[in-house]
């Protein structure tokens, strides 16, 4: 079952945009990789709004937003 939407985007869209990225990665690396993977504008905006910190996995990226919304 796919995760619930995060700010209008599904976790799967974010993870697809980060496919092939080696973790840990910082916010700027996430953003550049997502751009190279042709991520939609909504995913890029989501990444831009993330806290500046190292991320250990794609799940860490989507989990961070879930925590901020609750």
C-alpha atoms as a PDB file:
ATOM      1  CA  UNK A   1       0.000   0.000   0.000  1.00  0.00           C
ATOM      2  CA  UNK A   2       1.371   3.413  -0.991  1.00  0.00           C
ATOM      3  CA  UNK A   3       1.930   6.047   1.678  1.00  0.00           C
ATOM      4  CA  UNK A   4      -0.513   8.912   2.027  1.00  0.00           C
ATOM      5  CA  UNK A   5       0.130  12.158   0.133  1.00  0.00           C
ATOM      6  CA  UNK A   6       2.701  14.494   1.676  1.00  0.00           C
ATOM      7  CA  UNK A   7       1.804  18.057   0.832  1.00  0.00           C
ATOM      8  CA  UNK A   8      -0.040  16.835  -2.273  1.00  0.00           C
ATOM      9  CA  UNK A   9       2.709  14.461  -3.458  1.00  0.00           C
ATOM     10  CA  UNK A  10       3.055  10.759  -2.819  1.00  0.00           C
ATOM     11  CA  UNK A  11       6.133   9.368  -1.125  1.00  0.00           C
ATOM     12  CA  UNK A  12       6.627   7.152  -4.191  1.00  0.00           C
ATOM     13  CA  UNK A  13       7.079  10.249  -6.394  1.00  0.00           C
ATOM     14  CA  UNK A  14       9.777  11.543  -4.083  1.00  0.00           C
ATOM     15  CA  UNK A  15      11.504   8.187  -3.913  1.00  0.00           C
ATOM     16  CA  UNK A  16      11.373   7.824  -7.709  1.00  0.00           C
ATOM     17  CA  UNK A  17      13.003  11.237  -8.044  1.00  0.00           C
ATOM     18  CA  UNK A  18      15.793  10.140  -5.696  1.00  0.00           C
ATOM     19  CA  UNK A  19      16.315   6.731  -7.355  1.00  0.00           C
ATOM     20  CA  UNK A  20      19.995   5.903  -7.748  1.00  0.00           C
ATOM     21  CA  UNK A  21      21.188   8.445  -5.192  1.00  0.00           C
ATOM     22  CA  UNK A  22      23.818   7.253  -2.751  1.00  0.00           C
ATOM     23  CA  UNK A  23      23.023   8.094   0.861  1.00  0.00           C
ATOM     24  CA  UNK A  24      23.800   9.774   3.170  1.00  0.00           C
ATOM     25  CA  UNK A  25      23.095  12.952   1.208  1.00  0.00           C
ATOM     26  CA  UNK A  26      22.527  16.585   2.106  1.00  0.00           C
ATOM     27  CA  UNK A  27      19.605  18.719   0.953  1.00  0.00           C
ATOM     28  CA  UNK A  28      21.520  20.264  -1.981  1.00  0.00           C
ATOM     29  CA  UNK A  29      22.545  16.829  -3.234  1.00  0.00           C
ATOM     30  CA  UNK A  30      18.928  15.638  -2.988  1.00  0.00           C
ATOM     31  CA  UNK A  31      17.769  18.621  -5.012  1.00  0.00           C
ATOM     32  CA  UNK A  32      20.408  18.268  -7.741  1.00  0.00           C
ATOM     33  CA  UNK A  33      19.757  14.536  -8.078  1.00  0.00           C
ATOM     34  CA  UNK A  34      15.995  15.042  -8.277  1.00  0.00           C
ATOM     35  CA  UNK A  35      16.481  17.666 -11.007  1.00  0.00           C
ATOM     36  CA  UNK A  36      18.675  15.259 -13.008  1.00  0.00           C
ATOM     37  CA  UNK A  37      15.959  12.603 -12.661  1.00  0.00           C
ATOM     38  CA  UNK A  38      13.349  14.983 -14.086  1.00  0.00           C
ATOM     39  CA  UNK A  39      11.404  15.414 -10.848  1.00  0.00           C
ATOM     40  CA  UNK A  40       8.143  17.381 -11.102  1.00  0.00           C
ATOM     41  CA  UNK A  41       8.039  20.915  -9.704  1.00  0.00           C
ATOM     42  CA  UNK A  42       6.072  19.761  -6.631  1.00  0.00           C
ATOM     43  CA  UNK A  43       8.817  17.322  -5.653  1.00  0.00           C
ATOM     44  CA  UNK A  44      11.526  19.957  -6.122  1.00  0.00           C
ATOM     45  CA  UNK A  45       9.544  22.391  -3.948  1.00  0.00           C
ATOM     46  CA  UNK A  46       9.137  19.688  -1.304  1.00  0.00           C
ATOM     47  CA  UNK A  47      12.914  19.099  -1.216  1.00  0.00           C
ATOM     48  CA  UNK A  48      13.651  22.849  -1.148  1.00  0.00           C
ATOM     49  CA  UNK A  49      11.512  23.155   1.995  1.00  0.00           C
ATOM     50  CA  UNK A  50      13.287  20.344   3.868  1.00  0.00           C
ATOM     51  CA  UNK A  51      15.514  21.175   6.824  1.00  0.00           C
ATOM     52  CA  UNK A  52      19.213  21.426   6.034  1.00  0.00           C
ATOM     53  CA  UNK A  53      20.666  18.219   7.475  1.00  0.00           C
ATOM     54  CA  UNK A  54      22.094  14.905   6.271  1.00  0.00           C
ATOM     55  CA  UNK A  55      19.524  12.353   5.103  1.00  0.00           C
ATOM     56  CA  UNK A  56      20.264   8.648   5.527  1.00  0.00           C
ATOM     57  CA  UNK A  57      17.721   7.242   3.032  1.00  0.00           C
ATOM     58  CA  UNK A  58      14.791   8.164   0.791  1.00  0.00           C
ATOM     59  CA  UNK A  59      12.512   7.086   3.653  1.00  0.00           C
ATOM     60  CA  UNK A  60      14.341   9.570   5.880  1.00  0.00           C
ATOM     61  CA  UNK A  61      13.474  12.306   3.361  1.00  0.00           C
ATOM     62  CA  UNK A  62       9.756  11.496   3.227  1.00  0.00           C
ATOM     63  CA  UNK A  63       9.590  10.773   6.963  1.00  0.00           C
ATOM     64  CA  UNK A  64      10.933  14.214   7.797  1.00  0.00           C
ATOM     65  CA  UNK A  65       7.962  15.914   6.135  1.00  0.00           C
ATOM     66  CA  UNK A  66       5.516  13.583   7.866  1.00  0.00           C
ATOM     67  CA  UNK A  67       6.933  14.648  11.248  1.00  0.00           C
ATOM     68  CA  UNK A  68       6.664  18.353  10.324  1.00  0.00           C
ATOM     69  CA  UNK A  69       2.977  18.020   9.378  1.00  0.00           C
ATOM     70  CA  UNK A  70       1.919  16.384  12.669  1.00  0.00           C
END
